[in-house]
N, C-alpha and C. Protein backbone atom coordinates (compact mmCIF):
# COMPACT_ATOMS: atom_id res chain seq x y z
N MET A 1 248.07 -10.20 188.31
CA MET A 1 248.08 -8.34 188.25
C MET A 1 247.18 -7.99 189.47
N ILE A 2 245.99 -8.63 189.33
CA ILE A 2 244.88 -7.96 190.44
C ILE A 2 245.76 -7.94 192.04
N GLU A 3 246.29 -9.24 192.41
CA GLU A 3 247.10 -9.35 193.86
C GLU A 3 248.11 -8.28 193.88
N THR A 4 248.78 -7.77 192.92
CA THR A 4 250.07 -6.63 193.01
C THR A 4 249.11 -5.28 193.12
N ILE A 5 247.94 -5.24 192.53
CA ILE A 5 246.83 -3.65 192.91
C ILE A 5 246.51 -3.86 194.18
N LYS A 6 245.69 -5.00 194.39
CA LYS A 6 245.64 -5.35 196.11
C LYS A 6 246.90 -4.66 197.14
N SER A 7 247.66 -5.90 196.88
CA SER A 7 248.69 -5.21 197.83
C SER A 7 249.09 -3.65 197.75
N SER A 8 249.52 -3.29 196.52
CA SER A 8 249.91 -1.86 196.95
C SER A 8 248.68 -0.65 197.22
N LEU A 9 247.71 -1.30 197.03
CA LEU A 9 246.43 -0.21 197.36
C LEU A 9 246.14 -0.39 199.13
N ILE A 10 246.41 -1.43 199.84
CA ILE A 10 246.37 -2.02 201.38
C ILE A 10 247.90 -1.42 201.66
N ILE A 11 249.01 -1.16 201.17
CA ILE A 11 249.94 -0.28 201.88
C ILE A 11 249.46 1.21 201.54
N PHE A 12 248.77 1.66 200.63
CA PHE A 12 248.66 2.91 200.37
C PHE A 12 247.76 3.06 201.47
N HIS A 13 246.55 2.47 201.76
CA HIS A 13 245.75 2.56 202.84
C HIS A 13 245.77 2.62 203.80
N GLY A 14 247.35 2.10 204.35
CA GLY A 14 247.55 2.08 205.74
C GLY A 14 248.31 3.23 205.78
N VAL A 15 249.34 3.76 204.79
CA VAL A 15 249.95 5.12 204.95
C VAL A 15 249.05 6.26 205.10
N VAL A 16 247.78 6.22 204.23
CA VAL A 16 246.92 7.02 204.49
C VAL A 16 246.24 7.08 205.69
N SER A 17 246.05 5.93 206.36
CA SER A 17 245.15 6.20 207.50
C SER A 17 246.02 6.50 208.47
N ILE A 18 247.62 6.30 208.52
CA ILE A 18 248.43 6.96 209.87
C ILE A 18 248.41 8.09 209.44
N LEU A 19 248.61 8.82 208.58
CA LEU A 19 248.64 10.35 207.95
C LEU A 19 247.47 10.81 208.35
N LEU A 20 246.02 10.38 208.27
CA LEU A 20 245.07 10.75 208.32
C LEU A 20 244.55 10.97 210.30
N VAL A 21 245.41 10.20 211.10
CA VAL A 21 245.37 10.07 212.60
C VAL A 21 246.07 11.09 212.94
N LEU A 22 247.54 11.12 211.98
CA LEU A 22 248.48 12.47 212.57
C LEU A 22 248.26 13.53 212.27
N SER A 23 247.28 13.47 211.07
CA SER A 23 246.42 15.01 210.89
C SER A 23 245.71 15.66 211.85
N ILE A 24 245.05 14.76 212.36
CA ILE A 24 244.00 14.79 213.10
C ILE A 24 244.29 15.61 214.74
N LEU A 25 245.23 14.38 215.11
CA LEU A 25 245.95 14.76 216.53
C LEU A 25 246.78 16.23 216.76
N PHE A 26 247.14 16.71 215.49
CA PHE A 26 248.12 17.77 215.51
C PHE A 26 247.36 19.07 215.20
N GLN A 27 246.08 18.88 215.03
CA GLN A 27 245.35 20.25 214.97
C GLN A 27 245.31 20.56 216.59
N PRO A 28 245.05 21.99 216.47
CA PRO A 28 244.57 22.91 217.78
C PRO A 28 243.07 22.35 218.09
N SER A 29 242.84 22.25 219.34
CA SER A 29 241.80 22.36 219.88
C SER A 29 240.93 23.57 219.82
N LYS A 30 240.14 23.59 219.88
CA LYS A 30 239.48 25.07 219.76
C LYS A 30 238.83 25.81 221.29
N SER A 31 239.11 24.49 222.41
CA SER A 31 239.20 25.35 223.52
C SER A 31 239.84 24.67 224.35
N ASP A 32 240.77 25.48 225.23
CA ASP A 32 241.58 25.48 226.19
C ASP A 32 240.84 24.58 227.41
N ASP A 33 240.59 23.52 227.59
CA ASP A 33 239.96 22.79 228.70
C ASP A 33 241.15 22.54 229.51
N LEU A 34 241.54 21.31 229.62
CA LEU A 34 242.78 20.55 230.27
C LEU A 34 244.08 21.12 230.38
N GLY A 35 244.10 21.39 228.94
CA GLY A 35 245.61 21.64 228.53
C GLY A 35 245.92 23.21 229.15
N SER A 36 244.90 24.29 229.10
CA SER A 36 245.56 25.29 229.93
C SER A 36 245.82 25.11 231.63
N MET A 37 245.31 24.32 231.99
CA MET A 37 244.85 23.88 233.33
C MET A 37 246.06 23.31 233.86
N PHE A 38 246.83 22.39 233.32
CA PHE A 38 248.57 21.72 233.26
C PHE A 38 249.52 22.59 232.95
N GLY A 39 249.31 24.06 232.33
CA GLY A 39 250.85 24.73 231.80
C GLY A 39 250.49 24.19 230.11
N GLY A 40 249.45 23.75 229.68
CA GLY A 40 249.96 23.55 228.04
C GLY A 40 249.49 25.10 227.56
N SER A 41 250.02 24.61 226.37
CA SER A 41 249.89 26.11 225.81
C SER A 41 249.05 25.65 224.21
N SER A 42 248.48 26.82 223.48
CA SER A 42 247.26 26.81 222.62
C SER A 42 247.92 26.39 221.28
N GLU A 43 249.27 26.80 221.34
CA GLU A 43 250.26 26.93 220.12
C GLU A 43 250.41 25.92 219.44
N SER A 44 250.13 25.89 218.19
CA SER A 44 250.20 24.58 217.41
C SER A 44 251.57 24.22 217.05
N VAL A 45 251.92 22.74 216.59
CA VAL A 45 253.24 22.62 216.23
C VAL A 45 253.99 23.17 215.00
N PHE A 46 252.84 23.37 214.14
CA PHE A 46 253.46 23.73 212.78
C PHE A 46 253.68 25.66 212.46
N GLY A 47 253.22 25.86 213.82
CA GLY A 47 253.33 27.53 213.30
C GLY A 47 252.27 27.99 213.98
N ALA A 48 251.71 29.32 213.76
CA ALA A 48 250.53 29.90 214.15
C ALA A 48 249.56 29.90 213.33
N ASP A 49 249.68 30.01 211.71
CA ASP A 49 248.85 29.84 211.18
C ASP A 49 248.39 28.80 210.49
N SER A 50 248.61 27.46 210.99
CA SER A 50 248.55 26.17 210.31
C SER A 50 247.35 25.63 210.29
N SER A 51 246.30 25.94 211.39
CA SER A 51 245.32 25.36 211.14
C SER A 51 244.22 25.18 209.78
N SER A 52 244.30 25.94 208.98
CA SER A 52 243.99 26.19 207.30
C SER A 52 244.65 24.69 207.19
N PHE A 53 245.44 24.86 207.06
CA PHE A 53 246.91 24.22 206.22
C PHE A 53 246.40 22.49 206.81
N LEU A 54 246.19 22.30 207.95
CA LEU A 54 245.84 20.98 208.95
C LEU A 54 244.64 20.32 207.96
N ARG A 55 243.98 21.38 208.54
CA ARG A 55 242.03 21.02 207.78
C ARG A 55 242.23 20.86 206.42
N LYS A 56 242.51 21.39 205.70
CA LYS A 56 242.75 20.85 203.93
C LYS A 56 243.68 19.78 203.90
N LEU A 57 244.45 19.17 204.74
CA LEU A 57 245.35 18.08 204.95
C LEU A 57 244.23 16.82 205.34
N THR A 58 243.45 17.09 206.34
CA THR A 58 242.66 16.46 206.80
C THR A 58 241.52 16.22 206.04
N LYS A 59 240.73 16.76 205.21
CA LYS A 59 239.96 16.30 204.16
C LYS A 59 240.71 15.91 203.12
N TRP A 60 241.80 15.99 202.51
CA TRP A 60 242.05 15.74 201.28
C TRP A 60 242.65 14.00 201.87
N LEU A 61 243.03 13.69 203.02
CA LEU A 61 243.48 12.34 203.87
C LEU A 61 242.14 11.69 203.57
N ALA A 62 241.17 12.17 204.10
CA ALA A 62 239.80 11.40 204.66
C ALA A 62 239.10 10.92 203.27
N THR A 63 239.33 12.35 202.19
CA THR A 63 238.72 11.54 200.89
C THR A 63 239.65 10.33 200.43
N PHE A 64 241.04 10.27 200.15
CA PHE A 64 241.56 9.63 200.16
C PHE A 64 241.45 7.89 200.75
N PHE A 65 241.31 8.09 202.05
CA PHE A 65 240.75 7.21 202.93
C PHE A 65 239.70 6.45 202.69
N MET A 66 238.55 7.17 202.37
CA MET A 66 237.13 6.65 201.59
C MET A 66 237.46 5.91 200.36
N ILE A 67 238.04 6.87 199.30
CA ILE A 67 238.11 6.33 198.14
C ILE A 67 239.08 4.59 198.36
N THR A 68 240.10 4.57 199.29
CA THR A 68 240.62 3.33 199.31
C THR A 68 240.02 2.51 199.76
N SER A 69 238.93 2.64 200.86
CA SER A 69 238.45 2.07 201.46
C SER A 69 236.81 1.14 200.51
N ILE A 70 236.91 2.13 199.82
CA ILE A 70 235.61 1.73 199.27
C ILE A 70 236.29 0.60 197.52
N SER A 71 237.41 1.15 197.03
CA SER A 71 238.33 0.43 196.32
C SER A 71 238.74 -0.87 196.66
N LEU A 72 239.05 -1.20 197.82
CA LEU A 72 239.58 -2.13 198.36
C LEU A 72 238.25 -3.30 198.44
N GLY A 73 237.44 -2.91 199.26
CA GLY A 73 235.78 -3.20 199.37
C GLY A 73 235.46 -3.81 197.84
N TYR A 74 235.37 -3.20 196.78
CA TYR A 74 235.37 -3.69 195.57
C TYR A 74 236.14 -4.63 194.94
N ILE A 75 237.36 -4.98 195.06
CA ILE A 75 238.16 -5.62 194.83
C ILE A 75 237.94 -6.88 195.32
N TYR A 76 237.33 -6.75 197.20
CA TYR A 76 237.74 -8.32 197.68
C TYR A 76 236.34 -8.76 196.89
N ILE A 77 235.49 -8.04 196.64
CA ILE A 77 233.92 -8.38 196.44
C ILE A 77 233.90 -9.32 195.39
N LYS A 78 234.50 -8.13 194.37
CA LYS A 78 234.59 -8.91 192.70
C LYS A 78 235.71 -9.92 192.57
N PHE A 79 236.68 -9.66 193.00
CA PHE A 79 237.98 -10.67 192.78
C PHE A 79 238.08 -11.94 193.99
N ASP A 80 238.15 -11.51 194.83
CA ASP A 80 238.37 -12.41 196.13
C ASP A 80 236.71 -12.95 196.43
N LYS A 81 236.53 -14.45 196.38
CA LYS A 81 235.06 -14.78 196.55
C LYS A 81 235.29 -15.99 197.69
N ASN A 82 236.56 -15.56 198.58
CA ASN A 82 236.26 -16.84 199.70
C ASN A 82 235.57 -15.75 200.61
N SER A 83 234.96 -16.41 201.51
CA SER A 83 234.30 -15.70 202.62
C SER A 83 234.99 -16.17 203.98
N VAL A 84 234.75 -15.69 205.31
CA VAL A 84 235.61 -16.02 206.18
C VAL A 84 235.10 -17.03 206.96
N ILE A 85 233.76 -16.97 206.68
CA ILE A 85 232.89 -18.29 207.47
C ILE A 85 232.96 -19.28 206.20
N LYS A 86 233.06 -19.44 205.02
CA LYS A 86 233.70 -20.69 204.46
C LYS A 86 235.60 -20.98 204.70
N GLU A 87 235.96 -19.85 204.71
CA GLU A 87 237.32 -20.59 205.48
C GLU A 87 237.34 -21.18 206.59
N LYS A 88 236.66 -20.93 207.87
CA LYS A 88 236.34 -21.38 209.04
C LYS A 88 235.74 -22.87 209.12
N VAL A 89 234.71 -22.90 208.22
CA VAL A 89 234.27 -24.05 208.10
C VAL A 89 235.12 -25.31 207.65
N LYS A 90 236.24 -24.91 206.27
CA LYS A 90 237.18 -25.52 206.25
C LYS A 90 237.89 -26.42 207.13
N ILE A 91 238.16 -25.25 208.00
CA ILE A 91 239.47 -25.27 209.18
C ILE A 91 238.86 -26.61 209.62
N PHE A 92 237.45 -25.96 210.12
CA PHE A 92 236.80 -26.92 211.12
C PHE A 92 236.53 -28.58 210.57
N GLU A 93 236.33 -28.19 209.51
CA GLU A 93 235.99 -29.86 209.02
C GLU A 93 237.67 -30.69 209.06
N GLN A 94 238.85 -29.97 208.77
CA GLN A 94 239.99 -30.64 208.73
C GLN A 94 240.39 -31.08 210.04
N LYS A 95 239.84 -30.44 210.98
CA LYS A 95 240.20 -30.62 212.59
C LYS A 95 239.47 -32.13 212.98
N GLU A 96 238.28 -32.34 212.11
CA GLU A 96 237.45 -33.11 212.67
C GLU A 96 237.75 -34.30 211.32
N GLU A 97 238.13 -34.04 210.40
CA GLU A 97 239.01 -35.44 209.82
C GLU A 97 239.89 -35.84 210.44
N VAL A 98 241.24 -34.97 210.64
CA VAL A 98 242.35 -35.12 211.90
C VAL A 98 241.58 -36.35 212.93
N SER A 99 240.36 -35.84 213.89
CA SER A 99 240.13 -36.72 214.77
C SER A 99 239.66 -37.75 214.38
N ASP A 100 239.04 -38.10 213.11
CA ASP A 100 238.25 -39.67 213.08
C ASP A 100 239.79 -40.39 212.76
N ILE A 101 240.74 -39.64 212.29
CA ILE A 101 241.47 -41.01 212.01
C ILE A 101 242.25 -41.33 213.34
N GLU A 102 242.42 -40.54 214.38
CA GLU A 102 243.04 -41.30 215.31
C GLU A 102 241.81 -42.40 216.35
């Protein structure tokens, strides 16, 4: 049960993170520094007045990103008791056992 929740939460977290990056990249800049120098336009991709929509979308996506991050952290702490260090020690011990046989 918890593995299904964890897997779906990881997928949702990945989708939210990609959408968050895209919503940040599509926002118009506040100054036309290098873009106007090379012939770039300050017009946004989604129309003339899309900055308020993109700001709201970015805020919501950032909120979902934080919630899923905290949820995944809680699930891994509560239900997945394995640590990375313990896994590395087990792998190292298995390598030593193999080398002792030869």
